C-alpha atoms as a PDB file:
ATOM      1  CA  MET A   1     129.575 125.166 103.393  1.00  0.00           C
ATOM      2  CA  LYS A   2     126.341 125.069 105.394  1.00  0.00           C
ATOM      3  CA  ARG A   3     124.770 127.619 103.096  1.00  0.00           C
ATOM      4  CA  SER A   4     125.351 125.516  99.973  1.00  0.00           C
ATOM      5  CA  LEU A   5     124.152 122.346 101.684  1.00  0.00           C
ATOM      6  CA  PHE A   6     120.913 123.994 102.775  1.00  0.00           C
ATOM      7  CA  SER A   7     120.357 125.345  99.299  1.00  0.00           C
ATOM      8  CA  LEU A   8     120.281 121.746  98.043  1.00  0.00           C
ATOM      9  CA  LEU A   9     117.588 120.596 100.483  1.00  0.00           C
ATOM     10  CA  PRO A  10     114.590 121.677  98.347  1.00  0.00           C
ATOM     11  CA  PHE A  11     116.114 119.905  95.342  1.00  0.00           C
ATOM     12  CA  LEU A  12     116.748 116.710  97.280  1.00  0.00           C
ATOM     13  CA  ALA A  13     113.234 116.733  98.731  1.00  0.00           C
ATOM     14  CA  ALA A  14     111.860 117.042  95.191  1.00  0.00           C
ATOM     15  CA  CYS A  15     113.678 113.818  94.246  1.00  0.00           C
ATOM     16  CA  ALA A  16     111.533 111.863  96.675  1.00  0.00           C
ATOM     17  CA  GLY A  17     108.233 112.553  94.925  1.00  0.00           C
ATOM     18  CA  GLU A  18     104.881 111.456  96.320  1.00  0.00           C
ATOM     19  CA  PRO A  19     103.894 107.821  96.837  1.00  0.00           C
ATOM     20  CA  PRO A  20     101.818 106.645  93.877  1.00  0.00           C
ATOM     21  CA  PRO A  21      98.091 106.145  94.452  1.00  0.00           C
ATOM     22  CA  ASN A  22      98.226 102.496  93.310  1.00  0.00           C
ATOM     23  CA  ILE A  23     100.320 101.197  96.219  1.00  0.00           C
ATOM     24  CA  GLY A  24      98.791  98.148  97.875  1.00  0.00           C
ATOM     25  CA  ILE A  25      96.880  95.012  96.985  1.00  0.00           C
ATOM     26  CA  GLN A  26      94.353  95.426  94.199  1.00  0.00           C
ATOM     27  CA  ASN A  27      92.153  92.460  93.334  1.00  0.00           C
ATOM     28  CA  GLY A  28      94.639  90.099  94.979  1.00  0.00           C
ATOM     29  CA  ARG A  29      97.601  91.453  93.008  1.00  0.00           C
ATOM     30  CA  LEU A  30     100.150  94.243  93.034  1.00  0.00           C
ATOM     31  CA  ALA A  31      99.691  97.119  90.574  1.00  0.00           C
ATOM     32  CA  PRO A  32     101.006  96.616  87.047  1.00  0.00           C
ATOM     33  CA  CYS A  33     104.203  98.344  85.984  1.00  0.00           C
ATOM     34  CA  PRO A  34     103.984 101.470  83.865  1.00  0.00           C
ATOM     35  CA  GLU A  35     105.365 101.271  80.325  1.00  0.00           C
ATOM     36  CA  SER A  36     108.631 102.941  81.402  1.00  0.00           C
ATOM     37  CA  PRO A  37     111.568 100.595  82.073  1.00  0.00           C
ATOM     38  CA  ASN A  38     111.984 101.663  85.728  1.00  0.00           C
ATOM     39  CA  CYS A  39     109.814  98.929  87.258  1.00  0.00           C
ATOM     40  CA  VAL A  40     109.892  95.171  87.740  1.00  0.00           C
ATOM     41  CA  SER A  41     107.064  92.917  88.857  1.00  0.00           C
ATOM     42  CA  SER A  42     106.511  89.198  89.271  1.00  0.00           C
ATOM     43  CA  PHE A  43     103.016  89.742  87.861  1.00  0.00           C
ATOM     44  CA  ALA A  44     104.348  91.258  84.616  1.00  0.00           C
ATOM     45  CA  THR A  45     104.317  89.107  81.500  1.00  0.00           C
ATOM     46  CA  ASP A  46     106.650  91.143  79.273  1.00  0.00           C
ATOM     47  CA  GLU A  47     110.390  90.538  79.385  1.00  0.00           C
ATOM     48  CA  ALA A  48     111.316  94.143  80.227  1.00  0.00           C
ATOM     49  CA  HIS A  49     109.331  94.167  83.472  1.00  0.00           C
ATOM     50  CA  ARG A  50     109.084  90.479  84.464  1.00  0.00           C
ATOM     51  CA  ILE A  51     110.985  89.207  87.477  1.00  0.00           C
ATOM     52  CA  GLU A  52     110.464  85.909  89.281  1.00  0.00           C
ATOM     53  CA  PRO A  53     108.765  85.819  92.696  1.00  0.00           C
ATOM     54  CA  ILE A  54     110.978  85.212  95.708  1.00  0.00           C
ATOM     55  CA  ALA A  55     110.970  81.801  97.410  1.00  0.00           C
ATOM     56  CA  ALA A  56     110.778  83.232 100.922  1.00  0.00           C
ATOM     57  CA  SER A  57     108.291  84.292 103.562  1.00  0.00           C
ATOM     58  CA  LEU A  58     107.541  87.926 104.360  1.00  0.00           C
ATOM     59  CA  GLU A  59     109.302  87.464 107.693  1.00  0.00           C
ATOM     60  CA  GLN A  60     112.506  86.437 105.916  1.00  0.00           C
ATOM     61  CA  ILE A  61     112.264  89.396 103.546  1.00  0.00           C
ATOM     62  CA  GLU A  62     111.521  91.786 106.405  1.00  0.00           C
ATOM     63  CA  GLN A  63     114.678  90.646 108.210  1.00  0.00           C
ATOM     64  CA  VAL A  64     116.739  91.430 105.104  1.00  0.00           C
ATOM     65  CA  LEU A  65     115.134  94.873 104.751  1.00  0.00           C
ATOM     66  CA  ILE A  66     115.784  95.728 108.405  1.00  0.00           C
ATOM     67  CA  GLY A  67     119.491  95.346 107.704  1.00  0.00           C
ATOM     68  CA  LEU A  68     119.482  97.725 104.722  1.00  0.00           C
ATOM     69  CA  ASP A  69     120.180 101.402 105.463  1.00  0.00           C
ATOM     70  CA  GLU A  70     118.344 102.558 102.332  1.00  0.00           C
ATOM     71  CA  ALA A  71     115.132 100.676 103.205  1.00  0.00           C
ATOM     72  CA  ASN A  72     112.279 102.126 105.229  1.00  0.00           C
ATOM     73  CA  ILE A  73     109.470  99.680 105.988  1.00  0.00           C
ATOM     74  CA  VAL A  74     106.229 101.643 105.716  1.00  0.00           C
ATOM     75  CA  ASN A  75     103.541  98.989 106.100  1.00  0.00           C
ATOM     76  CA  VAL A  76     103.441  95.361 107.165  1.00  0.00           C
ATOM     77  CA  ALA A  77     100.211  93.381 107.082  1.00  0.00           C
ATOM     78  CA  GLU A  78      99.375  89.684 107.242  1.00  0.00           C
ATOM     79  CA  ASN A  79     100.506  88.889 103.682  1.00  0.00           C
ATOM     80  CA  TYR A  80     101.837  92.266 102.468  1.00  0.00           C
ATOM     81  CA  LEU A  81     104.903  94.422 103.043  1.00  0.00           C
ATOM     82  CA  TYR A  82     105.583  97.874 101.592  1.00  0.00           C
ATOM     83  CA  ALA A  83     108.946  99.619 101.819  1.00  0.00           C
ATOM     84  CA  GLU A  84     110.494 102.773 100.418  1.00  0.00           C
ATOM     85  CA  PHE A  85     114.106 102.667  99.251  1.00  0.00           C
ATOM     86  CA  THR A  86     116.003 105.961  99.113  1.00  0.00           C
ATOM     87  CA  SER A  87     119.136 106.317  96.991  1.00  0.00           C
ATOM     88  CA  ARG A  88     122.127 107.520  98.955  1.00  0.00           C
ATOM     89  CA  ILE A  89     123.343 110.328  96.738  1.00  0.00           C
ATOM     90  CA  MET A  90     120.331 111.909  95.058  1.00  0.00           C
ATOM     91  CA  GLY A  91     117.590 110.861  97.469  1.00  0.00           C
ATOM     92  CA  TYR A  92     115.405 109.239  94.792  1.00  0.00           C
ATOM     93  CA  VAL A  93     112.690 107.041  96.277  1.00  0.00           C
ATOM     94  CA  ASP A  94     111.568 103.690  94.891  1.00  0.00           C
ATOM     95  CA  ASP A  95     108.454 101.881  96.091  1.00  0.00           C
ATOM     96  CA  VAL A  96     108.903  98.166  96.762  1.00  0.00           C
ATOM     97  CA  GLU A  97     106.030  95.827  97.576  1.00  0.00           C
ATOM     98  CA  PHE A  98     105.901  92.178  98.576  1.00  0.00           C
ATOM     99  CA  LEU A  99     102.772  90.002  98.538  1.00  0.00           C
ATOM    100  CA  TYR A 100     103.022  86.527 100.053  1.00  0.00           C
ATOM    101  CA  ASP A 101     101.089  83.826  98.196  1.00  0.00           C
ATOM    102  CA  GLN A 102     100.356  80.961 100.611  1.00  0.00           C
ATOM    103  CA  THR A 103      99.151  78.726  97.791  1.00  0.00           C
ATOM    104  CA  CYS A 104     102.577  78.474  96.171  1.00  0.00           C
ATOM    105  CA  GLY A 105     104.717  79.528  99.161  1.00  0.00           C
ATOM    106  CA  MET A 106     106.267  82.353  97.142  1.00  0.00           C
ATOM    107  CA  THR A 107     106.383  86.108  97.611  1.00  0.00           C
ATOM    108  CA  GLN A 108     105.262  88.196  94.663  1.00  0.00           C
ATOM    109  CA  VAL A 109     107.182  91.443  94.229  1.00  0.00           C
ATOM    110  CA  ARG A 110     106.959  94.856  92.575  1.00  0.00           C
ATOM    111  CA  SER A 111     109.711  97.484  92.647  1.00  0.00           C
ATOM    112  CA  ALA A 112     109.219 100.803  90.873  1.00  0.00           C
ATOM    113  CA  SER A 113     110.876 104.211  90.692  1.00  0.00           C
ATOM    114  CA  ARG A 114     108.680 107.157  91.594  1.00  0.00           C
ATOM    115  CA  LEU A 115     110.399 109.564  89.229  1.00  0.00           C
ATOM    116  CA  GLY A 116     112.217 109.437  85.924  1.00  0.00           C
ATOM    117  CA  TYR A 117     112.103 107.057  83.014  1.00  0.00           C
ATOM    118  CA  SER A 118     115.046 104.681  83.261  1.00  0.00           C
ATOM    119  CA  ASP A 119     116.547 103.354  86.478  1.00  0.00           C
ATOM    120  CA  LEU A 120     119.559 101.696  84.801  1.00  0.00           C
ATOM    121  CA  GLY A 121     118.465  98.355  86.272  1.00  0.00           C
ATOM    122  CA  ALA A 122     118.373  99.520  89.900  1.00  0.00           C
ATOM    123  CA  ASN A 123     114.977  97.979  90.714  1.00  0.00           C
ATOM    124  CA  ARG A 124     115.859  94.613  89.157  1.00  0.00           C
ATOM    125  CA  ASN A 125     119.241  94.564  90.928  1.00  0.00           C
ATOM    126  CA  ARG A 126     117.595  95.416  94.260  1.00  0.00           C
ATOM    127  CA  ILE A 127     115.151  92.513  94.029  1.00  0.00           C
ATOM    128  CA  GLU A 128     117.879  90.081  92.960  1.00  0.00           C
ATOM    129  CA  ASN A 129     120.035  91.209  95.914  1.00  0.00           C
ATOM    130  CA  ILE A 130     117.112  90.648  98.287  1.00  0.00           C
ATOM    131  CA  ARG A 131     116.501  87.235  96.695  1.00  0.00           C
ATOM    132  CA  SER A 132     120.120  86.194  97.201  1.00  0.00           C
ATOM    133  CA  SER A 133     120.046  87.422 100.817  1.00  0.00           C
ATOM    134  CA  VAL A 134     117.105  85.221 101.811  1.00  0.00           C
ATOM    135  CA  GLN A 135     118.217  82.037 100.059  1.00  0.00           C
END
């Protein structure tokens, strides 16, 4: 049994991929989504990628993320939070960013898969679950 489990480790590590170079705040915004349907963003204008910002502070969102086994908070700054979410079975990693906008009291969000084309709605569902947990 151990032998077969260890033989899967290189495959599972490959599912994680590398963090994309566009993580972080760029010109006061989060990076745009790629054309693939495995990303949602509150900055997007097209229906496939658009998701509403979250009416919560970064502190509220951070408290929700702390309670999620699949979430790993990587970076927290004054108005920005970056977390990696790892799927339980395959070990796929999604990058999730939150940018608090003091002007409107809302948190902008971007959630994107590192690998693959379709996420079967996983990123959208994740953000909606976080939204419902803070409200």
